[in-house]
C-alpha atoms as a PDB file:
ATOM      1  CA  MET A   1      29.936  -2.121   8.048  1.00  0.00           C
ATOM      2  CA  LEU A   2      27.699   0.657   7.583  1.00  0.00           C
ATOM      3  CA  HIS A   3      24.363  -0.708   8.371  1.00  0.00           C
ATOM      4  CA  ARG A   4      20.963   1.784   7.124  1.00  0.00           C
ATOM      5  CA  LYS A   5      18.898   2.570  10.593  1.00  0.00           C
ATOM      6  CA  ARG A   6      16.312   0.005  10.993  1.00  0.00           C
ATOM      7  CA  THR A   7      12.919   1.590  10.763  1.00  0.00           C
ATOM      8  CA  GLN A   8      11.166  -1.650  12.248  1.00  0.00           C
ATOM      9  CA  THR A   9       9.572  -0.015  15.536  1.00  0.00           C
ATOM     10  CA  CYS A  10       7.628  -2.087  17.946  1.00  0.00           C
ATOM     11  CA  VAL A  11       6.010   0.344  20.373  1.00  0.00           C
ATOM     12  CA  LEU A  12       5.271  -1.137  24.154  1.00  0.00           C
ATOM     13  CA  LEU A  13       2.114   1.224  25.094  1.00  0.00           C
ATOM     14  CA  CYS A  14       1.458  -0.737  27.937  1.00  0.00           C
ATOM     15  CA  LEU A  15      -2.150  -0.674  26.236  1.00  0.00           C
ATOM     16  CA  LEU A  16      -3.907  -3.120  28.306  1.00  0.00           C
ATOM     17  CA  SER A  17      -2.390  -1.839  31.905  1.00  0.00           C
ATOM     18  CA  LEU A  18      -2.611   1.954  31.241  1.00  0.00           C
ATOM     19  CA  GLY A  19      -6.035   1.679  29.364  1.00  0.00           C
ATOM     20  CA  VAL A  20      -6.777   3.238  26.061  1.00  0.00           C
ATOM     21  CA  THR A  21      -9.473   5.636  25.466  1.00  0.00           C
ATOM     22  CA  GLN A  22     -12.143   3.495  23.201  1.00  0.00           C
ATOM     23  CA  GLY A  23     -12.116   4.553  19.542  1.00  0.00           C
ATOM     24  CA  ALA A  24      -8.545   5.793  20.111  1.00  0.00           C
ATOM     25  CA  GLU A  25      -6.271   4.233  17.766  1.00  0.00           C
ATOM     26  CA  ARG A  26      -2.553   3.590  18.523  1.00  0.00           C
ATOM     27  CA  LYS A  27       0.071   2.505  16.205  1.00  0.00           C
ATOM     28  CA  VAL A  28       1.970  -0.563  18.068  1.00  0.00           C
ATOM     29  CA  PHE A  29       4.587  -2.003  15.291  1.00  0.00           C
ATOM     30  CA  GLN A  30       5.914  -0.605  12.321  1.00  0.00           C
ATOM     31  CA  GLU A  31       8.123  -1.683   9.545  1.00  0.00           C
ATOM     32  CA  ASP A  32       9.461  -0.148   6.397  1.00  0.00           C
ATOM     33  CA  PHE A  33      11.739  -2.780   4.932  1.00  0.00           C
ATOM     34  CA  ASN A  34      14.444  -0.085   5.037  1.00  0.00           C
ATOM     35  CA  TYR A  35      17.583  -2.085   4.585  1.00  0.00           C
ATOM     36  CA  PHE A  36      20.453  -2.715   2.687  1.00  0.00           C
ATOM     37  CA  TYR A  37      21.027  -6.153   2.529  1.00  0.00           C
ATOM     38  CA  GLY A  38      18.531  -9.377   2.871  1.00  0.00           C
ATOM     39  CA  GLU A  39      20.764 -10.512   5.507  1.00  0.00           C
ATOM     40  CA  GLN A  40      19.017  -7.687   7.886  1.00  0.00           C
ATOM     41  CA  ILE A  41      15.639  -8.484   6.684  1.00  0.00           C
ATOM     42  CA  ALA A  42      16.475 -12.349   7.584  1.00  0.00           C
ATOM     43  CA  ALA A  43      17.704 -11.257  11.155  1.00  0.00           C
ATOM     44  CA  ALA A  44      14.728  -9.343  12.153  1.00  0.00           C
ATOM     45  CA  TRP A  45      12.214 -11.568  10.659  1.00  0.00           C
ATOM     46  CA  GLU A  46      12.165 -15.531  11.245  1.00  0.00           C
ATOM     47  CA  THR A  47      11.629 -17.682   8.479  1.00  0.00           C
ATOM     48  CA  VAL A  48       9.304 -20.463   9.951  1.00  0.00           C
ATOM     49  CA  ALA A  49       8.635 -22.426   6.751  1.00  0.00           C
ATOM     50  CA  THR A  50      10.529 -22.467   3.247  1.00  0.00           C
ATOM     51  CA  GLN A  51      10.872 -24.076   0.397  1.00  0.00           C
ATOM     52  CA  GLY A  52      14.992 -23.277   0.305  1.00  0.00           C
ATOM     53  CA  GLY A  53      17.580 -21.233  -1.218  1.00  0.00           C
ATOM     54  CA  LYS A  54      17.773 -17.588  -0.416  1.00  0.00           C
ATOM     55  CA  PRO A  55      14.107 -16.240  -0.270  1.00  0.00           C
ATOM     56  CA  VAL A  56      14.357 -13.470   1.966  1.00  0.00           C
ATOM     57  CA  ASN A  57      15.623 -10.032  -0.055  1.00  0.00           C
ATOM     58  CA  VAL A  58      15.980  -6.220  -0.436  1.00  0.00           C
ATOM     59  CA  GLY A  59      14.374  -4.642  -3.552  1.00  0.00           C
ATOM     60  CA  THR A  60      15.765  -1.075  -4.437  1.00  0.00           C
ATOM     61  CA  ASP A  61      14.568  -0.365  -8.201  1.00  0.00           C
ATOM     62  CA  ALA A  62      14.017   3.587  -8.030  1.00  0.00           C
ATOM     63  CA  GLY A  63      10.953   2.737  -9.933  1.00  0.00           C
ATOM     64  CA  VAL A  64       9.224   1.649  -6.805  1.00  0.00           C
ATOM     65  CA  GLU A  65       7.628   4.535  -4.931  1.00  0.00           C
ATOM     66  CA  SER A  66       8.747   3.204  -1.725  1.00  0.00           C
ATOM     67  CA  ALA A  67      12.572   1.683  -2.293  1.00  0.00           C
ATOM     68  CA  PRO A  68      13.948  -0.043  -0.369  1.00  0.00           C
ATOM     69  CA  TYR A  69      11.139  -2.672   0.306  1.00  0.00           C
ATOM     70  CA  ALA A  70      11.282  -6.437   0.892  1.00  0.00           C
ATOM     71  CA  LYS A  71      11.341  -9.502  -1.723  1.00  0.00           C
ATOM     72  CA  LEU A  72       9.853 -12.518  -0.190  1.00  0.00           C
ATOM     73  CA  GLY A  73      10.082 -15.765  -2.375  1.00  0.00           C
ATOM     74  CA  ASN A  74       8.981 -19.210  -1.314  1.00  0.00           C
ATOM     75  CA  ALA A  75       9.055 -18.721   2.316  1.00  0.00           C
ATOM     76  CA  ILE A  76       6.713 -17.537   5.377  1.00  0.00           C
ATOM     77  CA  VAL A  77       8.261 -14.903   7.834  1.00  0.00           C
ATOM     78  CA  SER A  78       7.174 -14.005  11.420  1.00  0.00           C
ATOM     79  CA  ASN A  79       7.958 -11.044  13.533  1.00  0.00           C
ATOM     80  CA  THR A  80       6.159 -10.639  17.298  1.00  0.00           C
ATOM     81  CA  ILE A  81       4.924  -7.920  18.595  1.00  0.00           C
ATOM     82  CA  PRO A  82       6.037  -7.320  22.178  1.00  0.00           C
ATOM     83  CA  VAL A  83       2.390  -6.557  23.648  1.00  0.00           C
ATOM     84  CA  SER A  84      -0.350  -9.174  23.348  1.00  0.00           C
ATOM     85  CA  ILE A  85      -3.416  -7.802  21.474  1.00  0.00           C
ATOM     86  CA  ARG A  86      -7.071  -8.292  22.757  1.00  0.00           C
ATOM     87  CA  SER A  87      -8.981  -5.699  21.043  1.00  0.00           C
ATOM     88  CA  ASP A  88     -10.138  -4.066  17.762  1.00  0.00           C
ATOM     89  CA  TRP A  89      -6.957  -4.284  15.222  1.00  0.00           C
ATOM     90  CA  LYS A  90      -5.918  -2.798  11.726  1.00  0.00           C
ATOM     91  CA  LEU A  91      -2.982  -4.168   9.747  1.00  0.00           C
ATOM     92  CA  SER A  92      -2.190  -2.080   6.679  1.00  0.00           C
ATOM     93  CA  PHE A  93       0.663  -3.076   4.060  1.00  0.00           C
ATOM     94  CA  LYS A  94       1.532  -2.325   0.529  1.00  0.00           C
ATOM     95  CA  MET A  95       2.044  -5.771  -1.549  1.00  0.00           C
ATOM     96  CA  LEU A  96       2.462  -6.441  -5.195  1.00  0.00           C
ATOM     97  CA  HIS A  97       3.555  -9.716  -7.324  1.00  0.00           C
ATOM     98  CA  THR A  98       6.179  -9.988 -10.081  1.00  0.00           C
ATOM     99  CA  ASN A  99       4.732 -13.355 -11.348  1.00  0.00           C
ATOM    100  CA  ALA A 100       1.151 -14.681 -12.550  1.00  0.00           C
ATOM    101  CA  ALA A 101      -0.419 -17.816 -10.742  1.00  0.00           C
ATOM    102  CA  ARG A 102       1.200 -16.928  -7.006  1.00  0.00           C
ATOM    103  CA  ASP A 103      -0.488 -16.985  -3.909  1.00  0.00           C
ATOM    104  CA  ALA A 104       1.081 -14.530  -1.072  1.00  0.00           C
ATOM    105  CA  TRP A 105      -0.897 -13.356   2.046  1.00  0.00           C
ATOM    106  CA  LEU A 106       0.164 -11.280   5.338  1.00  0.00           C
ATOM    107  CA  GLY A 107      -1.794 -11.698   8.148  1.00  0.00           C
ATOM    108  CA  LEU A 108      -1.808 -11.432  12.375  1.00  0.00           C
ATOM    109  CA  PHE A 109      -1.605 -14.429  14.530  1.00  0.00           C
ATOM    110  CA  ASP A 110      -1.745 -15.589  18.223  1.00  0.00           C
ATOM    111  CA  PRO A 111       1.456 -15.611  20.528  1.00  0.00           C
ATOM    112  CA  GLU A 112       2.686 -19.506  19.171  1.00  0.00           C
ATOM    113  CA  GLY A 113       2.054 -18.230  15.485  1.00  0.00           C
ATOM    114  CA  LYS A 114      -0.305 -21.277  14.702  1.00  0.00           C
ATOM    115  CA  ASN A 115      -3.612 -19.312  14.646  1.00  0.00           C
ATOM    116  CA  GLY A 116      -4.493 -16.237  12.689  1.00  0.00           C
ATOM    117  CA  TYR A 117      -6.063 -14.361  10.313  1.00  0.00           C
ATOM    118  CA  VAL A 118      -4.796 -13.452   7.043  1.00  0.00           C
ATOM    119  CA  ALA A 119      -5.054 -11.110   3.908  1.00  0.00           C
ATOM    120  CA  VAL A 120      -4.283 -13.435   0.500  1.00  0.00           C
ATOM    121  CA  TRP A 121      -3.729 -11.845  -2.830  1.00  0.00           C
ATOM    122  CA  ARG A 122      -3.491 -14.680  -5.932  1.00  0.00           C
ATOM    123  CA  SER A 123      -2.066 -12.887  -8.913  1.00  0.00           C
ATOM    124  CA  GLY A 124      -4.077 -13.624 -12.321  1.00  0.00           C
ATOM    125  CA  PRO A 125      -3.228 -16.874 -14.650  1.00  0.00           C
ATOM    126  CA  PRO A 126      -0.205 -17.566 -16.619  1.00  0.00           C
ATOM    127  CA  GLY A 127      -0.100 -15.149 -19.486  1.00  0.00           C
ATOM    128  CA  THR A 128      -2.011 -12.428 -18.259  1.00  0.00           C
ATOM    129  CA  GLU A 129       0.582 -10.083 -16.603  1.00  0.00           C
ATOM    130  CA  GLY A 130      -0.182  -6.314 -16.621  1.00  0.00           C
ATOM    131  CA  LYS A 131      -3.582  -7.219 -17.278  1.00  0.00           C
ATOM    132  CA  ASN A 132      -5.171  -9.180 -14.298  1.00  0.00           C
ATOM    133  CA  LYS A 133      -6.188  -8.301 -11.173  1.00  0.00           C
ATOM    134  CA  GLY A 134      -6.128 -11.303  -9.429  1.00  0.00           C
ATOM    135  CA  VAL A 135      -8.081 -12.480  -6.646  1.00  0.00           C
ATOM    136  CA  VAL A 136      -8.331 -11.498  -2.838  1.00  0.00           C
ATOM    137  CA  ALA A 137      -9.854 -13.361   0.151  1.00  0.00           C
ATOM    138  CA  ILE A 138      -9.679 -13.725   4.133  1.00  0.00           C
ATOM    139  CA  GLU A 139      -8.060 -16.863   5.239  1.00  0.00           C
ATOM    140  CA  LYS A 140      -7.723 -18.423   8.890  1.00  0.00           C
ATOM    141  CA  PHE A 141      -4.936 -20.778  10.153  1.00  0.00           C
ATOM    142  CA  LYS A 142      -5.930 -23.039  12.869  1.00  0.00           C
ATOM    143  CA  ASN A 143      -3.208 -25.447  14.696  1.00  0.00           C
ATOM    144  CA  VAL A 144      -0.684 -24.944  12.172  1.00  0.00           C
ATOM    145  CA  ASP A 145       2.852 -27.051  12.275  1.00  0.00           C
ATOM    146  CA  TRP A 146       5.376 -24.864  10.047  1.00  0.00           C
ATOM    147  CA  SER A 147       8.066 -27.389  11.191  1.00  0.00           C
ATOM    148  CA  ALA A 148       5.873 -29.774   8.762  1.00  0.00           C
ATOM    149  CA  LYS A 149       7.626 -30.977   5.110  1.00  0.00           C
ATOM    150  CA  ASN A 150       6.600 -28.361   2.748  1.00  0.00           C
ATOM    151  CA  ALA A 151       4.852 -26.060   5.111  1.00  0.00           C
ATOM    152  CA  TRP A 152       5.279 -23.039   3.430  1.00  0.00           C
ATOM    153  CA  ARG A 153       2.746 -24.709   0.777  1.00  0.00           C
ATOM    154  CA  THR A 154       0.157 -24.627   3.728  1.00  0.00           C
ATOM    155  CA  HIS A 155      -3.512 -22.488   2.886  1.00  0.00           C
ATOM    156  CA  GLY A 156      -5.905 -21.683   5.661  1.00  0.00           C
ATOM    157  CA  GLU A 157      -9.683 -21.881   5.619  1.00  0.00           C
ATOM    158  CA  ARG A 158     -11.050 -19.351   3.352  1.00  0.00           C
ATOM    159  CA  LEU A 159     -13.700 -17.539   5.045  1.00  0.00           C
ATOM    160  CA  THR A 160     -14.746 -15.530   2.436  1.00  0.00           C
ATOM    161  CA  GLU A 161     -15.104 -16.333  -1.539  1.00  0.00           C
ATOM    162  CA  TYR A 162     -12.260 -15.174  -4.229  1.00  0.00           C
ATOM    163  CA  THR A 163     -13.035 -11.579  -5.251  1.00  0.00           C
ATOM    164  CA  ASN A 164     -11.535  -9.444  -7.579  1.00  0.00           C
ATOM    165  CA  SER A 165      -8.776  -7.152  -5.951  1.00  0.00           C
ATOM    166  CA  GLY A 166      -9.432  -4.194  -8.180  1.00  0.00           C
ATOM    167  CA  HIS A 167      -5.420  -3.686  -8.990  1.00  0.00           C
ATOM    168  CA  ILE A 168      -3.725  -5.119 -11.036  1.00  0.00           C
ATOM    169  CA  SER A 169      -1.309  -7.859  -9.626  1.00  0.00           C
ATOM    170  CA  THR A 170       2.014  -7.421 -11.067  1.00  0.00           C
ATOM    171  CA  GLN A 171       1.915  -3.424 -12.315  1.00  0.00           C
ATOM    172  CA  LEU A 172       3.239  -0.753 -10.106  1.00  0.00           C
ATOM    173  CA  PRO A 173       2.197   1.246  -8.082  1.00  0.00           C
ATOM    174  CA  MET A 174       1.989  -1.513  -5.000  1.00  0.00           C
ATOM    175  CA  ALA A 175      -1.387  -2.120  -3.773  1.00  0.00           C
ATOM    176  CA  GLN A 176      -2.645  -0.771  -0.725  1.00  0.00           C
ATOM    177  CA  PHE A 177      -3.934  -3.051   1.932  1.00  0.00           C
ATOM    178  CA  GLU A 178      -5.572  -3.114   4.749  1.00  0.00           C
ATOM    179  CA  LEU A 179      -7.512  -5.812   7.366  1.00  0.00           C
ATOM    180  CA  THR A 180      -9.146  -5.335  10.215  1.00  0.00           C
ATOM    181  CA  TRP A 181     -10.885  -7.361  12.807  1.00  0.00           C
ATOM    182  CA  SER A 182     -13.312  -6.210  15.269  1.00  0.00           C
ATOM    183  CA  GLN A 183     -13.565  -7.913  18.862  1.00  0.00           C
ATOM    184  CA  LYS A 184     -17.389  -6.929  19.950  1.00  0.00           C
ATOM    185  CA  THR A 185     -18.232  -8.482  16.756  1.00  0.00           C
ATOM    186  CA  GLY A 186     -15.873 -10.539  14.876  1.00  0.00           C
ATOM    187  CA  THR A 187     -16.347  -8.833  11.776  1.00  0.00           C
ATOM    188  CA  LEU A 188     -13.165  -9.059   9.488  1.00  0.00           C
ATOM    189  CA  THR A 189     -13.094  -6.447   6.852  1.00  0.00           C
ATOM    190  CA  LEU A 190     -10.384  -6.396   3.533  1.00  0.00           C
ATOM    191  CA  SER A 191      -9.860  -3.272   1.700  1.00  0.00           C
ATOM    192  CA  VAL A 192      -7.621  -2.694  -1.748  1.00  0.00           C
ATOM    193  CA  ASP A 193      -6.797   0.727  -2.221  1.00  0.00           C
ATOM    194  CA  GLY A 194      -8.987   2.177  -0.072  1.00  0.00           C
ATOM    195  CA  GLN A 195     -11.867   0.125  -1.098  1.00  0.00           C
ATOM    196  CA  VAL A 196     -13.593  -2.693   0.824  1.00  0.00           C
ATOM    197  CA  VAL A 197     -13.517  -5.692  -0.803  1.00  0.00           C
ATOM    198  CA  THR A 198     -14.815  -8.310   1.139  1.00  0.00           C
ATOM    199  CA  THR A 199     -16.071  -9.255   4.551  1.00  0.00           C
ATOM    200  CA  ALA A 200     -15.966 -12.092   6.962  1.00  0.00           C
ATOM    201  CA  GLN A 201     -16.986 -13.059  10.659  1.00  0.00           C
ATOM    202  CA  ASP A 202     -14.959 -14.937  13.081  1.00  0.00           C
ATOM    203  CA  SER A 203     -14.180 -15.041  16.648  1.00  0.00           C
ATOM    204  CA  ASP A 204     -12.180 -18.282  17.433  1.00  0.00           C
ATOM    205  CA  ILE A 205      -8.624 -16.328  17.662  1.00  0.00           C
ATOM    206  CA  THR A 206      -8.882 -13.386  20.565  1.00  0.00           C
ATOM    207  CA  GLU A 207      -5.241 -12.837  21.125  1.00  0.00           C
ATOM    208  CA  PHE A 208      -2.677 -12.011  18.794  1.00  0.00           C
ATOM    209  CA  SER A 209       1.217 -10.569  18.901  1.00  0.00           C
ATOM    210  CA  LYS A 210       2.621 -12.281  15.509  1.00  0.00           C
ATOM    211  CA  ILE A 211       3.016 -10.913  12.178  1.00  0.00           C
ATOM    212  CA  LEU A 212       3.383 -13.643   9.492  1.00  0.00           C
ATOM    213  CA  ILE A 213       4.237 -13.008   5.502  1.00  0.00           C
ATOM    214  CA  ARG A 214       3.960 -15.747   2.941  1.00  0.00           C
ATOM    215  CA  GLY A 215       5.649 -15.331  -0.170  1.00  0.00           C
ATOM    216  CA  ASN A 216       5.304 -17.153  -3.578  1.00  0.00           C
ATOM    217  CA  GLY A 217       7.883 -16.502  -6.535  1.00  0.00           C
ATOM    218  CA  THR A 218       8.662 -13.068  -5.836  1.00  0.00           C
ATOM    219  CA  VAL A 219       6.154 -10.716  -3.840  1.00  0.00           C
ATOM    220  CA  LEU A 220       7.007  -7.012  -2.878  1.00  0.00           C
ATOM    221  CA  PHE A 221       6.083  -6.137   0.131  1.00  0.00           C
ATOM    222  CA  ASP A 222       6.311  -2.823   2.332  1.00  0.00           C
ATOM    223  CA  SER A 223       4.681   0.230   4.464  1.00  0.00           C
ATOM    224  CA  LEU A 224       3.624  -2.378   6.962  1.00  0.00           C
ATOM    225  CA  GLN A 225       1.444  -0.689  10.636  1.00  0.00           C
ATOM    226  CA  LEU A 226      -0.462  -2.435  13.251  1.00  0.00           C
ATOM    227  CA  SER A 227      -2.474   0.094  14.672  1.00  0.00           C
ATOM    228  CA  VAL A 228      -4.894  -1.166  18.072  1.00  0.00           C
ATOM    229  CA  GLU A 229      -8.054   0.667  19.382  1.00  0.00           C
END
């Protein structure tokens, strides 16, 4: 069977043992969801919580500039980075809703996948498809039990107020998200399409090695990259 070469790269740079020059950015993880089938994504990304069905699929619509891409339904999936991050990091990715009144997020978690910071995008209310930009926020998850019933519905603690995303939530192209964290100050910064939309401060979580993604309805994700300093 022919399989498209996976473009997911988990780069072990020995950042901690070798010592990275202060301010030098290094990519440690990249996922372009360059797959043929949803089963291939499901094999690469562990489903940690789901409402059931077949929530992980591949999108190949030629109208999407970066096809193929991931289509995630009512589920949360996880991937492990084979390096423990304790320094500044930057998480960038593309995301787009296909339905109104949906919550989706993507973020970086600790080695157990129970504590983390995420960028949340809530699409607009019903009847506003193609017009509403939805709202974004930064949330913190603490000691989550993903095996609990309906765990995929779990929400984190909002560290910021909801803010207009600046990007129509159901209209191409996908929105470009960037979530950063400063180890020194605990500052979290969320940008959409290159514009800073909200910031928060929190230093409760200091070690990171898992990426978690939540879909709702059908949410498109692509071009995921994690860099550290």
